[in-house]
Protein backbone atom coordinates (compact mmCIF):
# COMPACT_ATOMS: atom_id res chain seq x y z
CA MET A 1 -15.86 -60.91 -4.54
CA LYS A 2 -12.16 -61.25 -3.77
CA SER A 3 -9.83 -58.61 -5.20
CA PHE A 4 -6.51 -59.66 -6.69
CA ASN A 5 -3.03 -58.18 -6.75
CA VAL A 6 -2.29 -57.89 -10.46
CA PRO A 7 0.35 -55.60 -12.02
CA VAL A 8 -0.78 -51.98 -12.11
CA HIS A 9 -0.05 -51.66 -15.83
CA TYR A 10 -2.98 -54.00 -16.52
CA ARG A 11 -5.35 -51.60 -14.76
CA SER A 12 -7.10 -48.55 -16.18
CA PRO A 13 -8.24 -45.74 -13.86
CA LEU A 14 -10.94 -44.83 -16.39
CA VAL A 15 -12.32 -48.34 -16.82
CA THR A 16 -12.06 -49.02 -13.08
CA ALA A 17 -14.07 -45.86 -12.32
CA ILE A 18 -16.72 -46.82 -14.89
CA LYS A 19 -17.03 -50.39 -13.60
CA GLN A 20 -17.23 -49.27 -9.97
CA LYS A 21 -19.90 -46.68 -10.77
CA ARG A 22 -21.96 -49.17 -12.76
CA LYS A 23 -21.61 -51.75 -9.99
CA ALA A 24 -22.70 -49.26 -7.31
CA ASP A 25 -25.77 -48.33 -9.36
CA ASP A 26 -26.62 -51.94 -10.23
CA LYS A 27 -25.54 -54.27 -7.42
CA MET A 28 -27.67 -57.17 -8.69
CA LYS A 29 -26.21 -56.89 -12.22
CA LYS A 30 -29.60 -56.75 -13.90
CA ASP A 31 -28.85 -53.72 -16.08
CA TYR A 32 -27.06 -54.79 -19.25
CA THR A 33 -27.30 -51.46 -21.05
CA PRO A 34 -23.90 -50.20 -22.22
CA THR A 35 -21.93 -47.21 -20.96
CA ILE A 36 -21.84 -44.24 -23.36
CA LEU A 37 -18.71 -42.08 -23.58
CA GLU A 38 -18.98 -38.82 -25.54
CA ILE A 39 -15.58 -37.75 -26.90
CA GLY A 40 -16.13 -34.88 -29.30
CA SER A 41 -17.52 -36.30 -32.54
CA LEU A 42 -16.80 -39.85 -31.30
CA GLN A 43 -19.28 -41.82 -29.27
CA ILE A 44 -17.96 -44.96 -27.55
CA ILE A 45 -20.60 -47.52 -26.64
CA LEU A 46 -18.90 -49.69 -24.01
CA ALA A 47 -20.35 -53.05 -22.99
CA ARG A 48 -21.64 -53.33 -19.41
CA HIS A 49 -19.31 -56.27 -18.65
CA PHE A 50 -15.97 -57.05 -20.27
CA GLY A 51 -12.33 -57.79 -19.51
CA PHE A 52 -10.56 -59.75 -16.80
CA CYS A 53 -12.70 -62.29 -14.99
CA TYR A 54 -12.14 -63.85 -11.55
CA GLY A 55 -10.24 -66.83 -12.95
CA VAL A 56 -7.89 -64.72 -15.05
CA GLU A 57 -7.01 -62.30 -12.24
CA ASN A 58 -6.44 -65.25 -9.91
CA ALA A 59 -4.08 -66.83 -12.47
CA ILE A 60 -2.11 -63.63 -13.02
CA GLU A 61 -1.66 -63.05 -9.29
CA ILE A 62 -0.40 -66.60 -8.73
CA ALA A 63 1.99 -66.53 -11.71
CA PHE A 64 3.64 -63.28 -10.69
CA ARG A 65 3.84 -64.47 -7.08
CA ALA A 66 5.59 -67.64 -8.24
CA VAL A 67 8.30 -65.50 -9.83
CA GLU A 68 8.74 -63.40 -6.68
CA GLU A 69 8.93 -66.42 -4.39
CA ASN A 70 11.45 -68.39 -6.45
CA PRO A 71 14.46 -66.19 -7.30
CA GLY A 72 17.12 -68.12 -9.19
CA LYS A 73 14.85 -71.06 -9.95
CA ARG A 74 13.68 -72.16 -13.37
CA ILE A 75 9.96 -71.48 -13.76
CA PHE A 76 7.76 -73.05 -16.40
CA LEU A 77 4.17 -72.74 -17.58
CA LEU A 78 2.54 -75.82 -19.06
CA SER A 79 1.25 -73.61 -21.90
CA GLU A 80 -0.14 -70.10 -22.30
CA MET A 81 -1.53 -69.13 -18.91
CA ILE A 82 -4.36 -67.21 -20.58
CA HIS A 83 -4.98 -66.41 -24.22
CA ASN A 84 -3.58 -62.90 -24.25
CA PRO A 85 -0.31 -62.20 -26.09
CA GLY A 86 0.57 -59.19 -23.92
CA VAL A 87 0.26 -61.04 -20.62
CA ASN A 88 2.10 -64.09 -21.95
CA GLY A 89 4.80 -61.77 -23.31
CA ASP A 90 5.22 -60.24 -19.85
CA LEU A 91 5.69 -63.72 -18.36
CA HIS A 92 8.28 -64.55 -21.01
CA ALA A 93 10.11 -61.35 -20.14
CA LEU A 94 10.28 -62.50 -16.51
CA GLY A 95 12.07 -65.66 -17.66
CA ILE A 96 9.13 -68.07 -17.57
CA ARG A 97 9.36 -70.76 -20.25
CA PHE A 98 6.46 -72.64 -21.82
CA ILE A 99 6.53 -76.44 -21.86
CA MET A 100 4.01 -76.85 -24.69
CA ASP A 101 1.94 -74.76 -27.07
CA THR A 102 -1.80 -74.26 -26.83
CA LYS A 103 -2.47 -77.37 -28.92
CA GLY A 104 -0.43 -79.60 -26.63
CA ASN A 105 2.66 -79.86 -28.84
CA MET A 106 5.84 -80.09 -26.79
CA LEU A 107 8.25 -77.14 -26.90
CA MET A 108 10.80 -78.99 -24.77
CA ASN A 109 11.37 -82.51 -23.42
CA TRP A 110 9.83 -83.71 -20.18
CA ASP A 111 13.25 -85.15 -19.35
CA ASP A 112 14.62 -81.60 -19.16
CA LEU A 113 12.56 -80.94 -16.03
CA THR A 114 13.92 -81.61 -12.54
CA ASN A 115 12.37 -81.68 -9.11
CA GLU A 116 13.99 -78.28 -8.46
CA ASP A 117 11.89 -76.61 -11.15
CA VAL A 118 8.64 -74.73 -10.61
CA VAL A 119 5.74 -75.55 -12.94
CA ILE A 120 2.60 -73.38 -13.11
CA ILE A 121 -0.69 -74.93 -14.21
CA PRO A 122 -2.56 -72.48 -16.51
CA ALA A 123 -6.05 -71.11 -15.91
CA PHE A 124 -7.52 -73.72 -18.27
CA GLY A 125 -6.31 -76.51 -16.00
CA THR A 126 -4.59 -79.63 -17.26
CA THR A 127 -5.13 -83.34 -17.69
CA LEU A 128 -4.75 -85.94 -14.98
CA GLU A 129 -2.10 -87.59 -17.14
CA ILE A 130 0.08 -84.47 -17.19
CA GLU A 131 -0.41 -83.96 -13.45
CA GLN A 132 0.91 -87.48 -12.91
CA GLN A 133 3.90 -86.85 -15.19
CA LEU A 134 4.83 -83.85 -13.07
CA ARG A 135 4.49 -85.84 -9.85
CA ASN A 136 6.72 -88.52 -11.34
CA LYS A 137 9.35 -85.81 -11.79
CA GLY A 138 9.02 -84.82 -8.14
CA ILE A 139 7.11 -81.61 -8.97
CA ASN A 140 3.94 -80.72 -7.08
CA PRO A 141 1.47 -79.62 -9.81
CA THR A 142 -0.91 -77.96 -7.34
CA HIS A 143 1.62 -75.67 -5.59
CA TYR A 144 1.21 -72.92 -8.20
CA GLU A 145 -1.98 -74.07 -9.84
CA THR A 146 -3.96 -71.27 -11.47
CA THR A 147 -6.89 -73.41 -12.69
CA CYS A 148 -10.04 -71.29 -12.76
CA PRO A 149 -12.45 -72.26 -9.95
CA PHE A 150 -15.30 -72.29 -12.47
CA VAL A 151 -13.44 -74.81 -14.62
CA GLU A 152 -12.95 -76.96 -11.52
CA LYS A 153 -16.68 -76.62 -10.86
CA VAL A 154 -17.35 -78.23 -14.24
CA TRP A 155 -14.93 -81.06 -13.41
CA ASN A 156 -16.60 -81.64 -10.05
CA ARG A 157 -20.08 -81.66 -11.57
CA ALA A 158 -19.00 -84.04 -14.32
CA GLY A 159 -17.43 -86.33 -11.73
CA LYS A 160 -20.55 -86.31 -9.56
CA ILE A 161 -23.04 -87.11 -12.29
CA GLY A 162 -20.56 -89.52 -13.86
CA ASP A 163 -20.40 -91.44 -10.59
CA ASP A 164 -24.22 -91.46 -10.67
CA GLY A 165 -24.11 -93.42 -13.92
CA TYR A 166 -24.47 -90.72 -16.58
CA THR A 167 -22.26 -90.43 -19.65
CA ILE A 168 -20.78 -86.95 -20.02
CA VAL A 169 -21.17 -84.93 -23.21
CA VAL A 170 -18.68 -82.03 -23.24
CA HIS A 171 -19.55 -79.03 -25.42
CA GLY A 172 -16.16 -77.63 -26.34
CA LYS A 173 -13.44 -77.24 -28.92
CA PRO A 174 -11.70 -80.64 -28.99
CA GLY A 175 -8.18 -79.18 -29.25
CA HIS A 176 -8.62 -76.46 -26.61
CA GLU A 177 -6.60 -76.81 -23.38
CA GLU A 178 -9.67 -76.53 -21.18
CA THR A 179 -11.66 -79.11 -23.12
CA ARG A 180 -8.72 -81.53 -23.07
CA ALA A 181 -8.49 -81.08 -19.30
CA THR A 182 -12.24 -81.47 -18.73
CA PHE A 183 -12.29 -84.57 -20.94
CA SER A 184 -9.46 -86.11 -18.91
CA HIS A 185 -11.10 -85.44 -15.55
CA SER A 186 -14.50 -86.62 -16.77
CA GLN A 187 -13.35 -89.86 -18.35
CA ALA A 188 -11.75 -90.85 -15.03
CA HIS A 189 -15.32 -91.23 -13.77
CA THR A 190 -17.48 -92.15 -16.74
CA PRO A 191 -17.65 -92.57 -20.53
CA THR A 192 -17.19 -89.15 -22.15
CA VAL A 193 -17.64 -87.68 -25.63
CA VAL A 194 -16.93 -84.16 -26.95
CA VAL A 195 -19.19 -82.25 -29.36
CA LYS A 196 -17.83 -79.04 -30.86
CA ASP A 197 -21.08 -77.52 -32.16
CA MET A 198 -24.74 -78.08 -32.94
CA ALA A 199 -23.93 -79.97 -36.16
CA GLN A 200 -21.97 -82.58 -34.21
CA THR A 201 -24.71 -82.61 -31.58
CA GLU A 202 -27.33 -83.47 -34.18
CA LEU A 203 -25.02 -86.23 -35.40
CA LEU A 204 -24.66 -87.56 -31.86
CA GLY A 205 -28.45 -87.44 -31.57
CA LYS A 206 -28.70 -89.93 -34.43
CA TYR A 207 -26.54 -92.37 -32.48
CA ILE A 208 -28.70 -91.86 -29.38
CA ALA A 209 -31.76 -92.61 -31.52
CA GLN A 210 -29.88 -95.53 -33.10
CA SER A 211 -30.64 -94.31 -36.61
CA LEU A 212 -27.02 -94.71 -37.74
CA PRO A 213 -24.84 -97.84 -37.60
CA ALA A 214 -22.94 -97.93 -34.31
CA ASP A 215 -19.56 -98.57 -35.95
CA GLN A 216 -19.75 -95.26 -37.80
CA PHE A 217 -19.69 -93.39 -34.45
CA TYR A 218 -16.02 -94.24 -33.97
CA VAL A 219 -15.21 -92.64 -37.32
CA ASP A 220 -17.39 -89.54 -36.89
CA PHE A 221 -16.08 -88.82 -33.38
CA LYS A 222 -12.51 -90.02 -33.76
CA GLY A 223 -10.34 -88.52 -31.02
CA GLN A 224 -13.39 -87.18 -29.17
CA TYR A 225 -14.53 -90.18 -27.08
CA SER A 226 -13.05 -91.95 -24.07
CA GLU A 227 -11.29 -95.28 -24.27
CA GLY A 228 -13.72 -98.20 -24.29
CA PHE A 229 -16.71 -96.02 -25.21
CA ASP A 230 -19.64 -98.30 -26.13
CA VAL A 231 -22.07 -96.40 -28.32
CA ASN A 232 -24.76 -99.04 -27.81
CA LYS A 233 -24.95 -98.59 -24.04
CA ASP A 234 -23.13 -95.38 -23.11
CA LEU A 235 -25.68 -92.99 -24.63
CA GLN A 236 -28.67 -94.14 -22.60
CA ARG A 237 -28.15 -91.69 -19.71
CA ILE A 238 -26.38 -88.38 -20.37
CA GLY A 239 -25.37 -85.07 -18.85
CA VAL A 240 -24.03 -82.06 -20.76
CA VAL A 241 -21.23 -79.84 -19.43
CA ASN A 242 -19.21 -77.25 -21.32
CA GLN A 243 -15.89 -75.60 -21.92
CA THR A 244 -16.65 -72.51 -19.86
CA THR A 245 -15.73 -70.09 -22.64
CA MET A 246 -18.21 -71.42 -25.19
CA LEU A 247 -21.29 -69.51 -26.30
CA ALA A 248 -23.66 -70.06 -23.37
CA SER A 249 -26.78 -70.02 -25.55
CA GLU A 250 -25.28 -72.72 -27.77
CA THR A 251 -24.45 -74.93 -24.78
CA GLN A 252 -28.03 -74.59 -23.58
CA ALA A 253 -29.39 -75.34 -27.05
CA ILE A 254 -27.17 -78.44 -27.25
CA ALA A 255 -28.33 -79.63 -23.83
CA ASP A 256 -31.98 -79.06 -24.76
CA TYR A 257 -31.60 -80.87 -28.09
CA LEU A 258 -29.92 -83.94 -26.60
CA LYS A 259 -32.46 -84.01 -23.79
CA GLN A 260 -35.36 -84.07 -26.24
CA ILE A 261 -33.75 -86.73 -28.43
CA THR A 262 -33.01 -88.93 -25.41
CA LEU A 263 -36.44 -88.60 -23.81
CA THR A 264 -38.20 -89.24 -27.11
CA HIS A 265 -36.11 -92.28 -28.04
CA PHE A 266 -36.54 -93.90 -24.64
CA ASN A 267 -40.20 -92.82 -24.33
CA THR A 268 -39.50 -91.23 -20.95
CA PRO A 269 -42.41 -89.74 -18.96
CA GLU A 270 -42.00 -86.24 -17.49
CA ASP A 271 -41.65 -87.50 -13.94
CA LYS A 272 -38.75 -89.74 -14.95
CA VAL A 273 -36.63 -87.18 -16.84
CA SER A 274 -33.80 -87.27 -14.31
CA GLU A 275 -33.38 -90.99 -14.88
CA ARG A 276 -32.18 -90.25 -18.41
CA VAL A 277 -30.81 -86.69 -18.40
CA ALA A 278 -28.87 -84.93 -15.65
CA ASP A 279 -29.50 -81.26 -14.85
CA THR A 280 -26.19 -79.44 -15.46
CA ARG A 281 -27.28 -75.83 -15.92
CA ASP A 282 -25.12 -74.80 -12.98
CA THR A 283 -21.90 -75.41 -14.95
CA LEU A 284 -22.22 -72.30 -17.12
CA CYS A 285 -19.55 -69.70 -16.17
CA TYR A 286 -20.89 -66.45 -14.72
CA ALA A 287 -18.31 -64.31 -16.57
CA THR A 288 -19.07 -65.93 -19.92
CA ASN A 289 -22.76 -65.32 -19.33
CA ASP A 290 -22.24 -61.73 -18.18
CA ASN A 291 -19.97 -60.75 -21.07
CA GLN A 292 -22.18 -62.35 -23.71
CA THR A 293 -25.38 -60.91 -22.24
CA ALA A 294 -23.70 -57.49 -22.05
CA VAL A 295 -22.92 -57.69 -25.77
CA SER A 296 -26.57 -58.48 -26.47
CA GLY A 297 -27.53 -55.42 -24.42
CA MET A 298 -24.98 -53.29 -26.23
CA LEU A 299 -26.27 -54.40 -29.63
CA GLU A 300 -29.68 -52.92 -28.84
CA GLN A 301 -28.08 -49.52 -29.46
CA GLN A 302 -27.45 -48.04 -32.91
CA ALA A 303 -23.82 -47.97 -34.00
CA ASP A 304 -21.60 -47.84 -37.08
CA LEU A 305 -19.31 -50.72 -36.15
CA ALA A 306 -18.01 -52.86 -33.31
CA ILE A 307 -14.47 -53.49 -32.09
CA VAL A 308 -13.71 -56.59 -30.01
CA ILE A 309 -10.33 -56.71 -28.25
CA GLY A 310 -8.52 -59.91 -27.29
CA GLY A 311 -6.10 -62.65 -28.21
CA TYR A 312 -6.84 -64.32 -31.53
CA ASN A 313 -6.77 -67.78 -29.95
CA SER A 314 -9.16 -66.74 -27.17
CA SER A 315 -12.33 -68.83 -27.29
CA ASN A 316 -14.49 -66.51 -25.19
CA THR A 317 -13.42 -63.48 -27.24
CA SER A 318 -14.24 -65.20 -30.52
CA HIS A 319 -17.81 -65.75 -29.36
CA LEU A 320 -18.20 -62.04 -28.58
CA VAL A 321 -17.10 -61.39 -32.17
CA GLU A 322 -19.69 -63.87 -33.45
CA LEU A 323 -22.46 -62.08 -31.56
CA CYS A 324 -21.43 -58.65 -32.85
CA GLU A 325 -21.09 -59.87 -36.43
CA LEU A 326 -24.77 -60.76 -36.45
CA LYS A 327 -25.69 -57.07 -36.26
CA LEU A 328 -22.96 -54.84 -37.72
CA PRO A 329 -19.42 -54.65 -39.16
CA THR A 330 -17.07 -56.07 -36.53
CA TYR A 331 -13.30 -55.90 -36.18
CA TYR A 332 -11.30 -58.28 -33.98
CA ILE A 333 -8.07 -56.66 -32.78
CA GLN A 334 -5.30 -57.52 -30.31
CA ASN A 335 -4.33 -54.00 -29.27
CA GLU A 336 -4.38 -50.31 -30.15
CA HIS A 337 -1.61 -50.74 -32.73
CA CYS A 338 -4.10 -52.57 -34.95
CA LEU A 339 -5.80 -49.18 -35.45
CA ILE A 340 -3.31 -48.10 -38.08
CA SER A 341 -5.08 -44.92 -39.13
CA GLU A 342 -8.49 -43.45 -39.82
CA THR A 343 -8.55 -45.41 -43.08
CA GLU A 344 -6.85 -48.72 -42.15
CA ILE A 345 -7.39 -51.35 -39.46
CA PHE A 346 -5.51 -54.62 -38.96
CA HIS A 347 -7.83 -57.32 -37.66
CA PHE A 348 -8.31 -61.08 -37.44
CA ASN A 349 -10.82 -62.64 -39.82
CA MET A 350 -12.12 -65.67 -37.93
CA HIS A 351 -13.77 -67.11 -41.03
CA LYS A 352 -10.49 -67.15 -42.97
CA HIS A 353 -8.37 -67.77 -39.84
CA ALA A 354 -6.07 -65.01 -41.01
CA GLU A 355 -5.04 -61.47 -40.15
CA GLU A 356 -5.90 -58.85 -42.74
CA THR A 357 -5.83 -55.12 -43.32
CA ILE A 358 -9.18 -53.48 -44.02
CA THR A 359 -9.35 -50.06 -45.66
CA ASN A 360 -12.04 -47.39 -45.26
CA TYR A 361 -13.47 -49.15 -42.22
CA LEU A 362 -14.71 -45.91 -40.62
CA PRO A 363 -17.78 -44.30 -42.19
CA ALA A 364 -17.67 -40.59 -42.99
CA ASN A 365 -20.70 -39.63 -40.91
CA ARG A 366 -20.32 -37.84 -37.56
CA PRO A 367 -20.85 -38.39 -34.75
CA LEU A 368 -19.15 -41.72 -35.20
CA ARG A 369 -20.59 -44.45 -32.98
CA ILE A 370 -18.33 -47.39 -32.12
CA MET A 371 -19.16 -50.32 -29.86
CA ILE A 372 -16.32 -51.81 -27.79
CA THR A 373 -15.99 -54.94 -25.71
CA SER A 374 -13.13 -57.27 -24.79
CA GLY A 375 -12.49 -60.86 -23.85
CA ALA A 376 -12.02 -62.20 -20.32
CA SER A 377 -8.23 -62.29 -20.72
CA CYS A 378 -7.90 -58.70 -21.95
CA PRO A 379 -6.49 -56.10 -19.50
CA ASP A 380 -8.63 -52.99 -18.92
CA ALA A 381 -5.60 -50.83 -19.70
CA LEU A 382 -5.70 -52.17 -23.25
CA VAL A 383 -9.34 -51.09 -23.62
CA GLU A 384 -8.39 -47.60 -22.46
CA ARG A 385 -5.56 -47.44 -24.99
CA VAL A 386 -7.90 -48.48 -27.80
CA ILE A 387 -10.35 -45.73 -26.81
CA SER A 388 -7.50 -43.17 -26.76
CA ARG A 389 -6.25 -44.35 -30.13
CA LEU A 390 -9.73 -44.09 -31.66
CA ALA A 391 -10.02 -40.55 -30.34
CA ALA A 392 -6.63 -39.64 -31.81
CA ILE A 393 -7.21 -41.01 -35.31
CA THR A 394 -10.65 -39.41 -35.54
CA GLY A 395 -9.31 -36.00 -34.57
CA ASN A 396 -10.86 -35.88 -31.11
CA LYS A 397 -8.96 -34.70 -28.05
CA ILE A 398 -9.32 -36.91 -25.00
CA ASP A 399 -8.38 -36.14 -21.41
CA ILE A 400 -8.39 -39.50 -19.63
CA GLU A 401 -7.96 -37.92 -16.20
CA THR A 402 -10.94 -35.59 -16.65
CA LEU A 403 -13.06 -38.37 -18.14
CA THR A 404 -12.15 -40.58 -15.18
CA GLN A 405 -13.16 -37.90 -12.70
CA GLU A 406 -16.58 -37.68 -14.35
CA TRP A 407 -17.19 -41.31 -13.34
CA ALA A 408 -15.57 -41.21 -9.91
């Protein structure tokens, strides 16, 4: 796979050595057991796969190159390039301004842009409507486009099966940048509706089975269906694609559920399945799958708690938290500074949508076993700093250089 030129301060010699050793020993990526680091009375159980994915490294390389190639020019990002506060902070420090926030609210006026400005498309991609707005301003939206190739793969698949006469069901968070972009690209080809979870999927299933009045659909899915969507005819042939950072197992469960509902309602024989439901399994992102499967492998070990590192608005990171929470106490942190002391941790409670300080989060027993993973937009250097901070607050000396050499 291609290697990218990203700033050295995002790299970690320790994590790089570990990943390279694991890759050399497991070229086919079939071993999802975690890596164990023994640091005195602290045992770190590190997920097999975590951190920057292909799409994120590609986006970072392009964004920093845009700055180098355009001295003196105004440079803008449509919104956060990736959901990591440290990386976005670095871009701000370089003078890059954001046009809108992650929810699509404008932070400036479109009229303030000129054809001399540089605009970077974030890794999530953007809508066809925004691309056209940029072209109308004389700005080429694809010159510094950082859209993840795996997001584009979803768009291409949706377009293909849409052109074949299927309605697209997008599993995603309706307000997320990537889902808004996928919805836009899909609806250019075919009727499209977004479902955010299994509960909404089951509700959509009732409209497929025509067990609810059609008019109610437009209330239940307000803001989540394409213009002109006809619930009476547009749910007869479907294909499911996803926001690439969603929980892969949930996307598959949603696809399976809608397939069964559709085939049952239309009394479809097995040899005619493709006439009603398109096969879209190839739209699941490899990195999402790898990171989530690695967490499942990690959770087979015994541990006292889990720490998940990433931006609090990162979809893929939040799903890693969900998986860990099923098995043991889990803390969602942005960086090493959230580890205040041996007795206090500052983390994000996803259920309350609020940051909070937890006391006495570390048990007294030793050795202390802590699981660690991170989201796809989290630099490896941040993981290393969290490990060092954990060693420090638990009274364990750590020599990163020596530890790195052990894995080289």
